[in-house]
Amino acid sequence: MASHFNLYVDADALLRFQLVTGNGDVLLTSNAFEDEDAAIAGIWSVREAAVSGRIVDLTGAAPENDPAD
């Protein structure tokens, strides 16, 4: 099964979403949203960032598969 987003109501009656991997691991849980439209807009923002977002390495260590090698 592919990764997916779970949209749910939390204990405070606010909406949140989770990004879940194909094997069921939760990669992220969103902040709380007041309404469904805002939560879905948040999901679209995460999807867009996943496609076009840069990786900014703040650790100071180069990754093993650094394309600069």
C-alpha atoms as a PDB file:
ATOM      1  CA  MET A   1       0.000   0.000   0.000  1.00  0.00           C
ATOM      2  CA  ALA A   2       1.252   3.483  -0.817  1.00  0.00           C
ATOM      3  CA  SER A   3       1.710   6.296   1.657  1.00  0.00           C
ATOM      4  CA  HIS A   4      -1.445   8.186   2.555  1.00  0.00           C
ATOM      5  CA  PHE A   5      -2.834  10.993   4.699  1.00  0.00           C
ATOM      6  CA  ASN A   6      -5.211  10.340   7.599  1.00  0.00           C
ATOM      7  CA  LEU A   7      -7.521  13.272   8.369  1.00  0.00           C
ATOM      8  CA  TYR A   8      -9.038  13.030  11.844  1.00  0.00           C
ATOM      9  CA  VAL A   9     -10.595  14.918  14.751  1.00  0.00           C
ATOM     10  CA  ASP A  10      -8.356  15.108  17.835  1.00  0.00           C
ATOM     11  CA  ALA A  11      -9.332  15.057  21.516  1.00  0.00           C
ATOM     12  CA  ASP A  12      -9.920  18.840  21.458  1.00  0.00           C
ATOM     13  CA  ALA A  13     -12.366  18.512  18.524  1.00  0.00           C
ATOM     14  CA  LEU A  14      -9.852  20.071  16.097  1.00  0.00           C
ATOM     15  CA  LEU A  15      -8.759  18.576  12.791  1.00  0.00           C
ATOM     16  CA  ARG A  16      -5.308  17.144  12.241  1.00  0.00           C
ATOM     17  CA  PHE A  17      -3.705  14.982   9.603  1.00  0.00           C
ATOM     18  CA  GLN A  18      -0.980  12.375   9.613  1.00  0.00           C
ATOM     19  CA  LEU A  19       1.291  11.269   6.781  1.00  0.00           C
ATOM     20  CA  VAL A  20       1.470   7.475   7.035  1.00  0.00           C
ATOM     21  CA  THR A  21       3.899   5.214   5.153  1.00  0.00           C
ATOM     22  CA  GLY A  22       2.854   2.107   3.294  1.00  0.00           C
ATOM     23  CA  ASN A  23       3.871  -0.043   6.264  1.00  0.00           C
ATOM     24  CA  GLY A  24       1.857   2.036   8.738  1.00  0.00           C
ATOM     25  CA  ASP A  25       4.559   4.239  10.271  1.00  0.00           C
ATOM     26  CA  VAL A  26       3.446   7.813  11.013  1.00  0.00           C
ATOM     27  CA  LEU A  27       5.971  10.203   9.447  1.00  0.00           C
ATOM     28  CA  LEU A  28       4.334  13.397  10.640  1.00  0.00           C
ATOM     29  CA  THR A  29       1.344  14.732  12.516  1.00  0.00           C
ATOM     30  CA  SER A  30       0.105  18.206  11.644  1.00  0.00           C
ATOM     31  CA  ASN A  31      -0.772  21.140  13.813  1.00  0.00           C
ATOM     32  CA  ALA A  32      -4.448  21.528  14.675  1.00  0.00           C
ATOM     33  CA  PHE A  33      -6.833  23.150  12.185  1.00  0.00           C
ATOM     34  CA  GLU A  34     -10.172  24.797  12.887  1.00  0.00           C
ATOM     35  CA  ASP A  35     -11.908  23.461   9.783  1.00  0.00           C
ATOM     36  CA  GLU A  36     -11.623  20.782   7.127  1.00  0.00           C
ATOM     37  CA  ASP A  37     -10.771  23.186   4.297  1.00  0.00           C
ATOM     38  CA  ALA A  38      -7.737  24.463   6.215  1.00  0.00           C
ATOM     39  CA  ALA A  39      -6.590  20.914   7.041  1.00  0.00           C
ATOM     40  CA  ILE A  40      -6.882  19.832   3.410  1.00  0.00           C
ATOM     41  CA  ALA A  41      -4.953  22.930   2.337  1.00  0.00           C
ATOM     42  CA  GLY A  42      -2.251  21.831   4.794  1.00  0.00           C
ATOM     43  CA  ILE A  43      -2.143  18.385   3.177  1.00  0.00           C
ATOM     44  CA  TRP A  44      -1.726  19.978  -0.257  1.00  0.00           C
ATOM     45  CA  SER A  45       1.113  22.132   1.118  1.00  0.00           C
ATOM     46  CA  VAL A  46       2.938  19.047   2.409  1.00  0.00           C
ATOM     47  CA  ARG A  47       2.433  17.261  -0.917  1.00  0.00           C
ATOM     48  CA  GLU A  48       3.830  20.239  -2.840  1.00  0.00           C
ATOM     49  CA  ALA A  49       6.810  20.589  -0.500  1.00  0.00           C
ATOM     50  CA  ALA A  50       7.592  16.883  -0.870  1.00  0.00           C
ATOM     51  CA  VAL A  51       7.854  17.291  -4.627  1.00  0.00           C
ATOM     52  CA  SER A  52       9.732  20.564  -4.857  1.00  0.00           C
ATOM     53  CA  GLY A  53      11.229  21.236  -1.436  1.00  0.00           C
ATOM     54  CA  ARG A  54      14.979  21.488  -1.030  1.00  0.00           C
ATOM     55  CA  ILE A  55      16.867  19.466   1.543  1.00  0.00           C
ATOM     56  CA  VAL A  56      18.760  21.821   3.849  1.00  0.00           C
ATOM     57  CA  ASP A  57      21.381  19.917   5.840  1.00  0.00           C
ATOM     58  CA  LEU A  58      21.933  21.668   9.154  1.00  0.00           C
ATOM     59  CA  THR A  59      24.022  18.845  10.624  1.00  0.00           C
ATOM     60  CA  GLY A  60      27.263  19.877   8.943  1.00  0.00           C
ATOM     61  CA  ALA A  61      27.876  16.322   7.715  1.00  0.00           C
ATOM     62  CA  ALA A  62      27.746  15.426   4.027  1.00  0.00           C
ATOM     63  CA  PRO A  63      25.421  12.528   3.170  1.00  0.00           C
ATOM     64  CA  GLU A  64      27.001   9.294   1.910  1.00  0.00           C
ATOM     65  CA  ASN A  65      25.332   9.664  -1.471  1.00  0.00           C
ATOM     66  CA  ASP A  66      26.296  13.310  -1.936  1.00  0.00           C
ATOM     67  CA  PRO A  67      26.058  14.076  -5.687  1.00  0.00           C
ATOM     68  CA  ALA A  68      29.065  16.405  -5.322  1.00  0.00           C
ATOM     69  CA  ASP A  69      31.320  13.366  -4.858  1.00  0.00           C
END
